[in-house]
Amino acid sequence: MIKYYNNGLECHKYEEGSEPEGYVPGVLKYRDLNTIDFYNDFVPYYIYHSRKETANYFNITENMIKEFCHQNNWIKPWKNIRYTEYGTEYNNIDDINLEEYLNYYKDHTRDESLAKFNITKNTHEKIIKMFPKTVSGKTKAMESGAKRLKAKYQKKIELILDQVGGLENYLDYYRLHTRDDCLEKFSLTRHEHELIINLSNYSKDKADIKRAAARKYFFDNHWFDSLPEIIIYKYFLDQGAQVEIEPITLQYIYNNRKYSYIPDLRVDGQLFEIKGKHFFKEDGTMCNPYDHSQDGLYEAKHQCGINNKVKFITENDLIFKEAKKYLKDIKFNFNQIKRIKE
């Protein structure tokens, strides 16, 4: 097969001897861009086809396409329009009411959403990436999954919740403990635990996970974060005071986000928080000595405690020194304290 061209205006393939009159044989030659009507011919074709397909159709190179678009100061818009063998056309993302789409997607599957709004999976993924995770597929999947699970296991869930003393009671315990702690305390299986969590749409934040994982000391059938907490707890207990461990959950706002804070003890109605002195700056404000980027969050927690009349105790305070001296005087056996190895 030999390629022919006619004055550089067109380029076709012909079998030798079948070329039209007026054409002369020549070497392979690409079409002159000046012979192509950019807006009436080139753009309508290129917008629905790939660069390679367009290059073959107009007998030009892909680099010539870039040059052509640059000359006309034109950028190919992203179009999620494609044609199947049946000629099905899909909507452009610009033609979709995104708020309406997301609201519909929260209560329906992805495929149902694609069918209703006539879009492709790629368009769906681009929409989801444009918004925060709170409206992403994961949140939506949890919501719809909870509905399905509740309908399927309604009777079983009711029996489980009765067994654990209600949903709020279980979540309050789970927030401060690991999953395995919950399974052991309430005699549940992992599947039953997941049913409860999916029903409530509850998700532990990082602080709760770290708190449960950080518990290293076990004494008097209670978990503690540190030895100073046990020292203060034992001191007040032996004085005949009414001592409650982590008795209340306080709420505070930092950077438009809600956080929870649980004081360590309540002794005869007074709330206490036991902290190392390295958690406080010289000016008395609270900080995170391990990550100073969180100092603002820690001080917000500090102010929450102050506003709720929580008394903060460090090893420099007189009450801690008295408690420490008391345990020494009674020759307290620290071997009673079980420490979890890290």
C-alpha atoms as a PDB file:
ATOM      1  CA  MET A   1       0.000   0.000   0.000  1.00  0.00           C
ATOM      2  CA  ILE A   2       1.277   3.459  -0.938  1.00  0.00           C
ATOM      3  CA  LYS A   3       0.324   6.783   0.685  1.00  0.00           C
ATOM      4  CA  TYR A   4      -0.600   9.673  -1.606  1.00  0.00           C
ATOM      5  CA  TYR A   5      -1.208  13.315  -0.917  1.00  0.00           C
ATOM      6  CA  ASN A   6      -2.581  16.122  -2.998  1.00  0.00           C
ATOM      7  CA  ASN A   7      -0.871  19.477  -2.470  1.00  0.00           C
ATOM      8  CA  GLY A   8      -0.605  18.650   1.234  1.00  0.00           C
ATOM      9  CA  LEU A   9      -4.342  19.200   1.732  1.00  0.00           C
ATOM     10  CA  GLU A  10      -5.470  15.624   2.198  1.00  0.00           C
ATOM     11  CA  CYS A  11      -3.857  12.338   2.915  1.00  0.00           C
ATOM     12  CA  HIS A  12      -5.402   8.961   2.096  1.00  0.00           C
ATOM     13  CA  LYS A  13      -4.423   5.372   1.552  1.00  0.00           C
ATOM     14  CA  TYR A  14      -4.933   3.803  -1.859  1.00  0.00           C
ATOM     15  CA  GLU A  15      -3.956   0.570  -3.452  1.00  0.00           C
ATOM     16  CA  GLU A  16      -1.487   1.132  -6.211  1.00  0.00           C
ATOM     17  CA  GLY A  17      -3.323   1.797  -9.439  1.00  0.00           C
ATOM     18  CA  SER A  18      -6.569   2.792  -7.743  1.00  0.00           C
ATOM     19  CA  GLU A  19      -5.607   6.362  -6.868  1.00  0.00           C
ATOM     20  CA  PRO A  20      -7.918   9.157  -8.083  1.00  0.00           C
ATOM     21  CA  GLU A  21      -6.987  11.315 -11.023  1.00  0.00           C
ATOM     22  CA  GLY A  22      -4.782  14.231 -10.068  1.00  0.00           C
ATOM     23  CA  TYR A  23      -3.049  12.503  -7.157  1.00  0.00           C
ATOM     24  CA  VAL A  24       0.647  11.854  -7.320  1.00  0.00           C
ATOM     25  CA  PRO A  25       2.630   9.399  -5.195  1.00  0.00           C
ATOM     26  CA  GLY A  26       4.685  10.821  -2.395  1.00  0.00           C
ATOM     27  CA  VAL A  27       6.060  10.180   1.071  1.00  0.00           C
ATOM     28  CA  LEU A  28       3.983  10.166   4.244  1.00  0.00           C
ATOM     29  CA  LYS A  29       2.849  13.700   4.955  1.00  0.00           C
ATOM     30  CA  TYR A  30       0.711  15.025   7.805  1.00  0.00           C
ATOM     31  CA  ARG A  31      -2.149  17.318   7.131  1.00  0.00           C
ATOM     32  CA  ASP A  32      -1.654  21.073   7.323  1.00  0.00           C
ATOM     33  CA  LEU A  33      -3.479  22.475  10.381  1.00  0.00           C
ATOM     34  CA  ASN A  34      -4.548  25.491   8.359  1.00  0.00           C
ATOM     35  CA  THR A  35      -6.791  23.214   6.290  1.00  0.00           C
ATOM     36  CA  ILE A  36      -8.799  22.115   9.351  1.00  0.00           C
ATOM     37  CA  ASP A  37     -11.728  24.162  10.622  1.00  0.00           C
ATOM     38  CA  PHE A  38     -10.902  24.289  14.316  1.00  0.00           C
ATOM     39  CA  TYR A  39     -14.309  25.094  15.810  1.00  0.00           C
ATOM     40  CA  ASN A  40     -16.600  23.423  13.279  1.00  0.00           C
ATOM     41  CA  ASP A  41     -14.639  20.230  12.572  1.00  0.00           C
ATOM     42  CA  PHE A  42     -11.813  19.686  15.036  1.00  0.00           C
ATOM     43  CA  VAL A  43     -13.459  20.607  18.361  1.00  0.00           C
ATOM     44  CA  PRO A  44     -16.732  18.653  17.851  1.00  0.00           C
ATOM     45  CA  TYR A  45     -14.714  15.514  17.109  1.00  0.00           C
ATOM     46  CA  TYR A  46     -11.963  15.924  19.709  1.00  0.00           C
ATOM     47  CA  ILE A  47     -14.315  16.639  22.590  1.00  0.00           C
ATOM     48  CA  TYR A  48     -15.793  13.127  22.304  1.00  0.00           C
ATOM     49  CA  HIS A  49     -12.647  11.207  21.364  1.00  0.00           C
ATOM     50  CA  SER A  50      -9.196  10.602  22.716  1.00  0.00           C
ATOM     51  CA  ARG A  51      -6.156  12.470  21.497  1.00  0.00           C
ATOM     52  CA  LYS A  52      -4.891   9.391  19.684  1.00  0.00           C
ATOM     53  CA  GLU A  53      -8.210   8.815  17.925  1.00  0.00           C
ATOM     54  CA  THR A  54      -8.339  12.474  16.903  1.00  0.00           C
ATOM     55  CA  ALA A  55      -4.788  12.373  15.560  1.00  0.00           C
ATOM     56  CA  ASN A  56      -5.577   9.339  13.402  1.00  0.00           C
ATOM     57  CA  TYR A  57      -8.844  10.842  12.177  1.00  0.00           C
ATOM     58  CA  PHE A  58      -7.297  14.121  11.008  1.00  0.00           C
ATOM     59  CA  ASN A  59      -3.968  12.565  10.052  1.00  0.00           C
ATOM     60  CA  ILE A  60      -1.950  14.751  12.398  1.00  0.00           C
ATOM     61  CA  THR A  61       0.322  13.999  15.347  1.00  0.00           C
ATOM     62  CA  GLU A  62      -0.646  14.261  19.004  1.00  0.00           C
ATOM     63  CA  ASN A  63       1.878  17.066  19.405  1.00  0.00           C
ATOM     64  CA  MET A  64       0.149  18.907  16.558  1.00  0.00           C
ATOM     65  CA  ILE A  65      -3.103  18.623  18.538  1.00  0.00           C
ATOM     66  CA  LYS A  66      -1.462  20.328  21.503  1.00  0.00           C
ATOM     67  CA  GLU A  67      -0.112  23.036  19.232  1.00  0.00           C
ATOM     68  CA  PHE A  68      -3.497  23.466  17.537  1.00  0.00           C
ATOM     69  CA  CYS A  69      -5.291  23.917  20.862  1.00  0.00           C
ATOM     70  CA  HIS A  70      -2.624  26.316  22.074  1.00  0.00           C
ATOM     71  CA  GLN A  71      -2.892  28.432  18.917  1.00  0.00           C
ATOM     72  CA  ASN A  72      -6.630  28.828  19.484  1.00  0.00           C
ATOM     73  CA  ASN A  73      -6.279  29.360  23.247  1.00  0.00           C
ATOM     74  CA  TRP A  74      -8.584  26.411  23.877  1.00  0.00           C
ATOM     75  CA  ILE A  75      -8.466  23.763  26.607  1.00  0.00           C
ATOM     76  CA  LYS A  76     -10.413  20.571  26.298  1.00  0.00           C
ATOM     77  CA  PRO A  77     -12.966  20.559  29.130  1.00  0.00           C
ATOM     78  CA  TRP A  78     -13.354  17.410  31.171  1.00  0.00           C
ATOM     79  CA  LYS A  79     -16.441  15.699  29.839  1.00  0.00           C
ATOM     80  CA  ASN A  80     -17.693  12.500  31.332  1.00  0.00           C
ATOM     81  CA  ILE A  81     -19.498  11.694  28.093  1.00  0.00           C
ATOM     82  CA  ARG A  82     -18.907   8.376  26.486  1.00  0.00           C
ATOM     83  CA  TYR A  83     -20.621   6.272  23.863  1.00  0.00           C
ATOM     84  CA  THR A  84     -21.206   2.559  24.073  1.00  0.00           C
ATOM     85  CA  GLU A  85     -21.849   0.396  21.045  1.00  0.00           C
ATOM     86  CA  TYR A  86     -25.504   1.435  21.439  1.00  0.00           C
ATOM     87  CA  GLY A  87     -24.719   5.149  21.529  1.00  0.00           C
ATOM     88  CA  THR A  88     -25.625   5.734  25.203  1.00  0.00           C
ATOM     89  CA  GLU A  89     -24.739   9.239  26.358  1.00  0.00           C
ATOM     90  CA  TYR A  90     -23.893  10.090  29.958  1.00  0.00           C
ATOM     91  CA  ASN A  91     -24.295  13.387  31.795  1.00  0.00           C
ATOM     92  CA  ASN A  92     -21.530  15.905  32.272  1.00  0.00           C
ATOM     93  CA  ILE A  93     -20.605  16.614  35.904  1.00  0.00           C
ATOM     94  CA  ASP A  94     -21.401  20.289  35.321  1.00  0.00           C
ATOM     95  CA  ASP A  95     -25.019  19.378  34.591  1.00  0.00           C
ATOM     96  CA  ILE A  96     -25.547  17.618  37.935  1.00  0.00           C
ATOM     97  CA  ASN A  97     -26.988  19.222  41.061  1.00  0.00           C
ATOM     98  CA  LEU A  98     -24.293  17.992  43.446  1.00  0.00           C
ATOM     99  CA  GLU A  99     -26.249  18.690  46.626  1.00  0.00           C
ATOM    100  CA  GLU A 100     -29.204  16.768  45.261  1.00  0.00           C
ATOM    101  CA  TYR A 101     -26.942  13.917  44.188  1.00  0.00           C
ATOM    102  CA  LEU A 102     -25.246  13.598  47.580  1.00  0.00           C
ATOM    103  CA  ASN A 103     -28.545  13.685  49.451  1.00  0.00           C
ATOM    104  CA  TYR A 104     -29.867  10.919  47.205  1.00  0.00           C
ATOM    105  CA  TYR A 105     -26.670   8.886  47.539  1.00  0.00           C
ATOM    106  CA  LYS A 106     -26.868   8.888  51.355  1.00  0.00           C
ATOM    107  CA  ASP A 107     -29.999   6.738  51.229  1.00  0.00           C
ATOM    108  CA  HIS A 108     -29.271   4.633  48.137  1.00  0.00           C
ATOM    109  CA  THR A 109     -26.556   2.445  46.702  1.00  0.00           C
ATOM    110  CA  ARG A 110     -23.984   3.721  44.270  1.00  0.00           C
ATOM    111  CA  ASP A 111     -25.524   1.858  41.339  1.00  0.00           C
ATOM    112  CA  GLU A 112     -28.955   3.280  42.115  1.00  0.00           C
ATOM    113  CA  SER A 113     -27.454   6.770  42.173  1.00  0.00           C
ATOM    114  CA  LEU A 114     -25.626   6.231  38.880  1.00  0.00           C
ATOM    115  CA  ALA A 115     -28.813   5.052  37.207  1.00  0.00           C
ATOM    116  CA  LYS A 116     -30.984   7.891  38.502  1.00  0.00           C
ATOM    117  CA  PHE A 117     -28.558  10.681  37.557  1.00  0.00           C
ATOM    118  CA  ASN A 118     -27.239   8.931  34.435  1.00  0.00           C
ATOM    119  CA  ILE A 119     -23.550   9.215  35.282  1.00  0.00           C
ATOM    120  CA  THR A 120     -20.559   6.879  35.228  1.00  0.00           C
ATOM    121  CA  LYS A 121     -18.558   5.456  38.112  1.00  0.00           C
ATOM    122  CA  ASN A 122     -15.724   7.867  37.315  1.00  0.00           C
ATOM    123  CA  THR A 123     -18.066  10.817  37.697  1.00  0.00           C
ATOM    124  CA  HIS A 124     -19.311   9.427  40.993  1.00  0.00           C
ATOM    125  CA  GLU A 125     -15.766   9.101  42.351  1.00  0.00           C
ATOM    126  CA  LYS A 126     -14.928  12.661  41.301  1.00  0.00           C
ATOM    127  CA  ILE A 127     -18.003  14.009  43.078  1.00  0.00           C
ATOM    128  CA  ILE A 128     -17.153  12.155  46.285  1.00  0.00           C
ATOM    129  CA  LYS A 129     -13.562  13.467  46.255  1.00  0.00           C
ATOM    130  CA  MET A 130     -14.841  17.029  45.995  1.00  0.00           C
ATOM    131  CA  PHE A 131     -16.463  16.836  49.442  1.00  0.00           C
ATOM    132  CA  PRO A 132     -15.341  16.022  53.011  1.00  0.00           C
ATOM    133  CA  LYS A 133     -15.413  12.498  54.333  1.00  0.00           C
ATOM    134  CA  THR A 134     -18.580  13.245  56.260  1.00  0.00           C
ATOM    135  CA  VAL A 135     -20.506  12.924  52.995  1.00  0.00           C
ATOM    136  CA  SER A 136     -18.289  10.308  51.418  1.00  0.00           C
ATOM    137  CA  GLY A 137     -19.150   6.743  50.516  1.00  0.00           C
ATOM    138  CA  LYS A 138     -17.881   5.416  53.840  1.00  0.00           C
ATOM    139  CA  THR A 139     -20.291   7.490  55.910  1.00  0.00           C
ATOM    140  CA  LYS A 140     -23.119   6.699  53.554  1.00  0.00           C
ATOM    141  CA  ALA A 141     -22.276   2.997  53.631  1.00  0.00           C
ATOM    142  CA  MET A 142     -22.386   3.010  57.436  1.00  0.00           C
ATOM    143  CA  GLU A 143     -25.775   4.722  57.458  1.00  0.00           C
ATOM    144  CA  SER A 144     -27.384   2.418  54.927  1.00  0.00           C
ATOM    145  CA  GLY A 145     -25.619  -0.593  56.446  1.00  0.00           C
ATOM    146  CA  ALA A 146     -27.063   0.235  59.846  1.00  0.00           C
ATOM    147  CA  LYS A 147     -30.557   0.334  58.384  1.00  0.00           C
ATOM    148  CA  ARG A 148     -30.140  -3.054  56.729  1.00  0.00           C
ATOM    149  CA  LEU A 149     -28.630  -4.631  59.828  1.00  0.00           C
ATOM    150  CA  LYS A 150     -31.326  -3.231  62.075  1.00  0.00           C
ATOM    151  CA  ALA A 151     -34.027  -4.681  59.866  1.00  0.00           C
ATOM    152  CA  LYS A 152     -32.330  -8.056  59.533  1.00  0.00           C
ATOM    153  CA  TYR A 153     -31.293  -8.556  63.148  1.00  0.00           C
ATOM    154  CA  GLN A 154     -33.973  -6.522  64.924  1.00  0.00           C
ATOM    155  CA  LYS A 155     -34.951  -9.200  67.456  1.00  0.00           C
ATOM    156  CA  LYS A 156     -31.380 -10.289  68.061  1.00  0.00           C
ATOM    157  CA  ILE A 157     -30.216  -6.700  68.622  1.00  0.00           C
ATOM    158  CA  GLU A 158     -33.030  -6.137  71.140  1.00  0.00           C
ATOM    159  CA  LEU A 159     -31.898  -9.195  73.110  1.00  0.00           C
ATOM    160  CA  ILE A 160     -28.259  -8.064  73.011  1.00  0.00           C
ATOM    161  CA  LEU A 161     -29.081  -4.541  74.179  1.00  0.00           C
ATOM    162  CA  ASP A 162     -31.165  -5.976  77.017  1.00  0.00           C
ATOM    163  CA  GLN A 163     -28.186  -8.146  77.944  1.00  0.00           C
ATOM    164  CA  VAL A 164     -25.732  -5.215  78.099  1.00  0.00           C
ATOM    165  CA  GLY A 165     -28.088  -2.810  79.853  1.00  0.00           C
ATOM    166  CA  GLY A 166     -28.938  -0.633  76.883  1.00  0.00           C
ATOM    167  CA  LEU A 167     -27.106   1.005  73.997  1.00  0.00           C
ATOM    168  CA  GLU A 168     -25.813   4.038  75.909  1.00  0.00           C
ATOM    169  CA  ASN A 169     -24.466   1.886  78.724  1.00  0.00           C
ATOM    170  CA  TYR A 170     -22.525  -0.270  76.277  1.00  0.00           C
ATOM    171  CA  LEU A 171     -21.116   2.691  74.350  1.00  0.00           C
ATOM    172  CA  ASP A 172     -20.069   4.444  77.570  1.00  0.00           C
ATOM    173  CA  TYR A 173     -18.050   1.372  78.507  1.00  0.00           C
ATOM    174  CA  TYR A 174     -16.672   0.841  75.008  1.00  0.00           C
ATOM    175  CA  ARG A 175     -15.501   4.449  74.773  1.00  0.00           C
ATOM    176  CA  LEU A 176     -13.070   3.831  77.643  1.00  0.00           C
ATOM    177  CA  HIS A 177     -12.091   0.246  76.899  1.00  0.00           C
ATOM    178  CA  THR A 178     -10.999  -1.989  74.058  1.00  0.00           C
ATOM    179  CA  ARG A 179     -13.295  -4.195  72.075  1.00  0.00           C
ATOM    180  CA  ASP A 180     -11.939  -7.324  73.778  1.00  0.00           C
ATOM    181  CA  ASP A 181     -12.675  -5.775  77.187  1.00  0.00           C
ATOM    182  CA  CYS A 182     -16.306  -5.329  76.092  1.00  0.00           C
ATOM    183  CA  LEU A 183     -16.572  -8.883  74.799  1.00  0.00           C
ATOM    184  CA  GLU A 184     -15.288 -10.255  78.086  1.00  0.00           C
ATOM    185  CA  LYS A 185     -17.397  -8.031  80.354  1.00  0.00           C
ATOM    186  CA  PHE A 186     -20.690  -8.499  78.490  1.00  0.00           C
ATOM    187  CA  SER A 187     -20.036 -12.054  77.210  1.00  0.00           C
ATOM    188  CA  LEU A 188     -20.538 -11.091  73.574  1.00  0.00           C
ATOM    189  CA  THR A 189     -19.170 -12.374  70.295  1.00  0.00           C
ATOM    190  CA  ARG A 190     -17.397 -10.096  67.836  1.00  0.00           C
ATOM    191  CA  HIS A 191     -20.386 -10.298  65.533  1.00  0.00           C
ATOM    192  CA  GLU A 192     -22.726  -9.118  68.303  1.00  0.00           C
ATOM    193  CA  HIS A 193     -20.342  -6.260  69.103  1.00  0.00           C
ATOM    194  CA  GLU A 194     -20.334  -5.169  65.450  1.00  0.00           C
ATOM    195  CA  LEU A 195     -24.139  -5.260  65.374  1.00  0.00           C
ATOM    196  CA  ILE A 196     -24.276  -2.781  68.256  1.00  0.00           C
ATOM    197  CA  ILE A 197     -21.634  -0.488  66.749  1.00  0.00           C
ATOM    198  CA  ASN A 198     -23.286  -0.462  63.309  1.00  0.00           C
ATOM    199  CA  LEU A 199     -26.668   0.189  64.875  1.00  0.00           C
ATOM    200  CA  SER A 200     -25.359   3.274  66.675  1.00  0.00           C
ATOM    201  CA  ASN A 201     -23.081   4.534  63.848  1.00  0.00           C
ATOM    202  CA  TYR A 202     -20.554   5.008  66.655  1.00  0.00           C
ATOM    203  CA  SER A 203     -16.923   5.484  65.746  1.00  0.00           C
ATOM    204  CA  LYS A 204     -14.156   5.962  68.286  1.00  0.00           C
ATOM    205  CA  ASP A 205     -12.112   9.075  67.757  1.00  0.00           C
ATOM    206  CA  LYS A 206      -8.338   8.880  68.026  1.00  0.00           C
ATOM    207  CA  ALA A 207      -8.309  10.214  71.580  1.00  0.00           C
ATOM    208  CA  ASP A 208     -10.610   7.429  72.793  1.00  0.00           C
ATOM    209  CA  ILE A 209      -8.564   4.758  71.031  1.00  0.00           C
ATOM    210  CA  LYS A 210      -5.323   6.057  72.524  1.00  0.00           C
ATOM    211  CA  ARG A 211      -6.932   6.329  75.942  1.00  0.00           C
ATOM    212  CA  ALA A 212      -8.080   2.707  75.940  1.00  0.00           C
ATOM    213  CA  ALA A 213      -4.732   1.499  74.602  1.00  0.00           C
ATOM    214  CA  ALA A 214      -2.717   3.616  77.060  1.00  0.00           C
ATOM    215  CA  ARG A 215      -4.139   2.057  80.219  1.00  0.00           C
ATOM    216  CA  LYS A 216      -1.148   0.374  81.834  1.00  0.00           C
ATOM    217  CA  TYR A 217      -2.118  -0.178  85.474  1.00  0.00           C
ATOM    218  CA  PHE A 218      -4.739  -2.388  87.108  1.00  0.00           C
ATOM    219  CA  PHE A 219      -5.538  -1.987  90.809  1.00  0.00           C
ATOM    220  CA  ASP A 220      -8.572  -2.650  92.998  1.00  0.00           C
ATOM    221  CA  ASN A 221     -10.514  -3.925  89.946  1.00  0.00           C
ATOM    222  CA  HIS A 222      -9.986  -0.653  88.067  1.00  0.00           C
ATOM    223  CA  TRP A 223      -7.789   0.499  85.222  1.00  0.00           C
ATOM    224  CA  PHE A 224      -5.560   3.584  85.627  1.00  0.00           C
ATOM    225  CA  ASP A 225      -3.414   5.576  83.263  1.00  0.00           C
ATOM    226  CA  SER A 226      -0.584   6.257  85.716  1.00  0.00           C
ATOM    227  CA  LEU A 227       0.812   5.499  89.176  1.00  0.00           C
ATOM    228  CA  PRO A 228       0.046   9.016  90.505  1.00  0.00           C
ATOM    229  CA  GLU A 229      -3.652   8.342  89.851  1.00  0.00           C
ATOM    230  CA  ILE A 230      -3.464   5.191  91.971  1.00  0.00           C
ATOM    231  CA  ILE A 231      -1.621   7.028  94.746  1.00  0.00           C
ATOM    232  CA  ILE A 232      -4.296   9.737  94.970  1.00  0.00           C
ATOM    233  CA  TYR A 233      -7.098   7.156  94.645  1.00  0.00           C
ATOM    234  CA  LYS A 234      -5.695   4.962  97.459  1.00  0.00           C
ATOM    235  CA  TYR A 235      -5.074   7.976  99.711  1.00  0.00           C
ATOM    236  CA  PHE A 236      -8.615   9.307  99.470  1.00  0.00           C
ATOM    237  CA  LEU A 237     -10.126   5.818  99.732  1.00  0.00           C
ATOM    238  CA  ASP A 238      -8.319   5.126 102.986  1.00  0.00           C
ATOM    239  CA  GLN A 239      -9.470   8.464 104.390  1.00  0.00           C
ATOM    240  CA  GLY A 240     -13.033   7.198 104.122  1.00  0.00           C
ATOM    241  CA  ALA A 241     -13.974   9.500 101.252  1.00  0.00           C
ATOM    242  CA  GLN A 242     -16.490   8.542  98.567  1.00  0.00           C
ATOM    243  CA  VAL A 243     -14.331   8.047  95.480  1.00  0.00           C
ATOM    244  CA  GLU A 244     -15.631   7.618  91.927  1.00  0.00           C
ATOM    245  CA  ILE A 245     -13.365   6.821  88.966  1.00  0.00           C
ATOM    246  CA  GLU A 246     -14.005   8.751  85.735  1.00  0.00           C
ATOM    247  CA  PRO A 247     -17.438   9.804  86.949  1.00  0.00           C
ATOM    248  CA  ILE A 248     -18.552  12.266  84.291  1.00  0.00           C
ATOM    249  CA  THR A 249     -17.999  13.254  80.662  1.00  0.00           C
ATOM    250  CA  LEU A 250     -17.519  16.952  79.935  1.00  0.00           C
ATOM    251  CA  GLN A 251     -17.846  18.532  76.501  1.00  0.00           C
ATOM    252  CA  TYR A 252     -15.877  21.421  75.015  1.00  0.00           C
ATOM    253  CA  ILE A 253     -15.386  23.025  71.603  1.00  0.00           C
ATOM    254  CA  TYR A 254     -12.059  23.648  69.908  1.00  0.00           C
ATOM    255  CA  ASN A 255     -11.728  24.854  66.309  1.00  0.00           C
ATOM    256  CA  ASN A 256     -15.444  24.258  65.729  1.00  0.00           C
ATOM    257  CA  ARG A 257     -15.156  20.618  66.757  1.00  0.00           C
ATOM    258  CA  LYS A 258     -16.679  18.970  69.809  1.00  0.00           C
ATOM    259  CA  TYR A 259     -14.386  17.037  72.174  1.00  0.00           C
ATOM    260  CA  SER A 260     -15.009  14.927  75.260  1.00  0.00           C
ATOM    261  CA  TYR A 261     -13.059  15.169  78.491  1.00  0.00           C
ATOM    262  CA  ILE A 262     -13.328  12.807  81.480  1.00  0.00           C
ATOM    263  CA  PRO A 263     -11.811  13.872  84.818  1.00  0.00           C
ATOM    264  CA  ASP A 264      -9.916  11.133  86.648  1.00  0.00           C
ATOM    265  CA  LEU A 265     -11.736  11.146  89.997  1.00  0.00           C
ATOM    266  CA  ARG A 266     -14.639  12.586  91.931  1.00  0.00           C
ATOM    267  CA  VAL A 267     -13.998  12.677  95.690  1.00  0.00           C
ATOM    268  CA  ASP A 268     -16.920  13.687  97.902  1.00  0.00           C
ATOM    269  CA  GLY A 269     -18.314  15.703  94.996  1.00  0.00           C
ATOM    270  CA  GLN A 270     -15.015  17.393  94.025  1.00  0.00           C
ATOM    271  CA  LEU A 271     -13.606  16.542  90.560  1.00  0.00           C
ATOM    272  CA  PHE A 272      -9.872  15.874  90.230  1.00  0.00           C
ATOM    273  CA  GLU A 273      -7.488  15.518  87.296  1.00  0.00           C
ATOM    274  CA  ILE A 274      -4.012  14.113  88.010  1.00  0.00           C
ATOM    275  CA  LYS A 275      -1.340  15.253  85.567  1.00  0.00           C
ATOM    276  CA  GLY A 276       2.448  15.355  85.462  1.00  0.00           C
ATOM    277  CA  LYS A 277       3.990  18.807  85.863  1.00  0.00           C
ATOM    278  CA  HIS A 278       5.438  18.528  82.350  1.00  0.00           C
ATOM    279  CA  PHE A 279       1.906  19.048  81.024  1.00  0.00           C
ATOM    280  CA  PHE A 280       1.935  22.653  82.219  1.00  0.00           C
ATOM    281  CA  LYS A 281       3.946  25.640  81.017  1.00  0.00           C
ATOM    282  CA  GLU A 282       5.522  28.179  83.327  1.00  0.00           C
ATOM    283  CA  ASP A 283       2.541  30.519  82.865  1.00  0.00           C
ATOM    284  CA  GLY A 284       0.179  27.778  84.076  1.00  0.00           C
ATOM    285  CA  THR A 285      -1.383  26.961  80.721  1.00  0.00           C
ATOM    286  CA  MET A 286      -1.638  23.342  79.660  1.00  0.00           C
ATOM    287  CA  CYS A 287       0.362  21.789  76.807  1.00  0.00           C
ATOM    288  CA  ASN A 288       1.146  18.492  75.154  1.00  0.00           C
ATOM    289  CA  PRO A 289       4.847  17.939  75.915  1.00  0.00           C
ATOM    290  CA  TYR A 290       5.055  15.278  73.215  1.00  0.00           C
ATOM    291  CA  ASP A 291       3.433  17.282  70.430  1.00  0.00           C
ATOM    292  CA  HIS A 292       3.296  21.050  70.906  1.00  0.00           C
ATOM    293  CA  SER A 293       1.099  21.450  67.840  1.00  0.00           C
ATOM    294  CA  GLN A 294      -1.717  20.258  70.162  1.00  0.00           C
ATOM    295  CA  ASP A 295      -1.066  22.827  72.890  1.00  0.00           C
ATOM    296  CA  GLY A 296      -4.177  24.791  71.926  1.00  0.00           C
ATOM    297  CA  LEU A 297      -6.352  21.687  72.222  1.00  0.00           C
ATOM    298  CA  TYR A 298      -4.888  20.799  75.615  1.00  0.00           C
ATOM    299  CA  GLU A 299      -5.440  24.317  76.943  1.00  0.00           C
ATOM    300  CA  ALA A 300      -9.045  24.184  75.722  1.00  0.00           C
ATOM    301  CA  LYS A 301      -9.422  21.000  77.753  1.00  0.00           C
ATOM    302  CA  HIS A 302      -7.781  22.743  80.713  1.00  0.00           C
ATOM    303  CA  GLN A 303     -10.241  25.632  80.520  1.00  0.00           C
ATOM    304  CA  CYS A 304     -13.126  23.171  80.279  1.00  0.00           C
ATOM    305  CA  GLY A 305     -11.936  21.610  83.527  1.00  0.00           C
ATOM    306  CA  ILE A 306     -11.577  24.985  85.242  1.00  0.00           C
ATOM    307  CA  ASN A 307     -15.065  26.037  84.145  1.00  0.00           C
ATOM    308  CA  ASN A 308     -16.441  22.818  85.642  1.00  0.00           C
ATOM    309  CA  LYS A 309     -14.504  23.268  88.909  1.00  0.00           C
ATOM    310  CA  VAL A 310     -12.052  20.437  88.240  1.00  0.00           C
ATOM    311  CA  LYS A 311      -8.993  20.586  90.482  1.00  0.00           C
ATOM    312  CA  PHE A 312      -5.744  19.748  88.663  1.00  0.00           C
ATOM    313  CA  ILE A 313      -3.092  17.959  90.723  1.00  0.00           C
ATOM    314  CA  THR A 314       0.604  17.573  89.862  1.00  0.00           C
ATOM    315  CA  GLU A 315       3.463  16.021  91.838  1.00  0.00           C
ATOM    316  CA  ASN A 316       4.336  19.523  93.116  1.00  0.00           C
ATOM    317  CA  ASP A 317       1.017  19.942  94.931  1.00  0.00           C
ATOM    318  CA  LEU A 318       0.826  19.438  98.664  1.00  0.00           C
ATOM    319  CA  ILE A 319      -2.004  16.913  98.446  1.00  0.00           C
ATOM    320  CA  PHE A 320       0.074  14.649  96.213  1.00  0.00           C
ATOM    321  CA  LYS A 321       3.059  14.865  98.586  1.00  0.00           C
ATOM    322  CA  GLU A 322       0.788  13.964 101.500  1.00  0.00           C
ATOM    323  CA  ALA A 323      -0.652  10.998  99.591  1.00  0.00           C
ATOM    324  CA  LYS A 324       2.799   9.766  98.642  1.00  0.00           C
ATOM    325  CA  LYS A 325       4.008  10.078 102.267  1.00  0.00           C
ATOM    326  CA  TYR A 326       0.905   8.245 103.502  1.00  0.00           C
ATOM    327  CA  LEU A 327       1.545   5.231 101.246  1.00  0.00           C
ATOM    328  CA  LYS A 328       5.143   5.162 102.425  1.00  0.00           C
ATOM    329  CA  ASP A 329       4.090   5.270 106.081  1.00  0.00           C
ATOM    330  CA  ILE A 330       1.667   2.353 105.715  1.00  0.00           C
ATOM    331  CA  LYS A 331       4.284   0.476 103.705  1.00  0.00           C
ATOM    332  CA  PHE A 332       1.947   0.076 100.776  1.00  0.00           C
ATOM    333  CA  ASN A 333       2.862  -2.932  98.648  1.00  0.00           C
ATOM    334  CA  PHE A 334       3.124  -1.660  95.081  1.00  0.00           C
ATOM    335  CA  ASN A 335       3.305  -5.256  93.883  1.00  0.00           C
ATOM    336  CA  GLN A 336      -0.488  -5.274  94.226  1.00  0.00           C
ATOM    337  CA  ILE A 337      -0.560  -3.098  91.121  1.00  0.00           C
ATOM    338  CA  LYS A 338      -0.530  -5.016  87.874  1.00  0.00           C
ATOM    339  CA  ARG A 339       1.307  -3.265  85.085  1.00  0.00           C
ATOM    340  CA  ILE A 340       0.577  -4.137  81.478  1.00  0.00           C
ATOM    341  CA  LYS A 341       3.762  -4.590  79.472  1.00  0.00           C
ATOM    342  CA  GLU A 342       3.946  -2.487  76.317  1.00  0.00           C
END
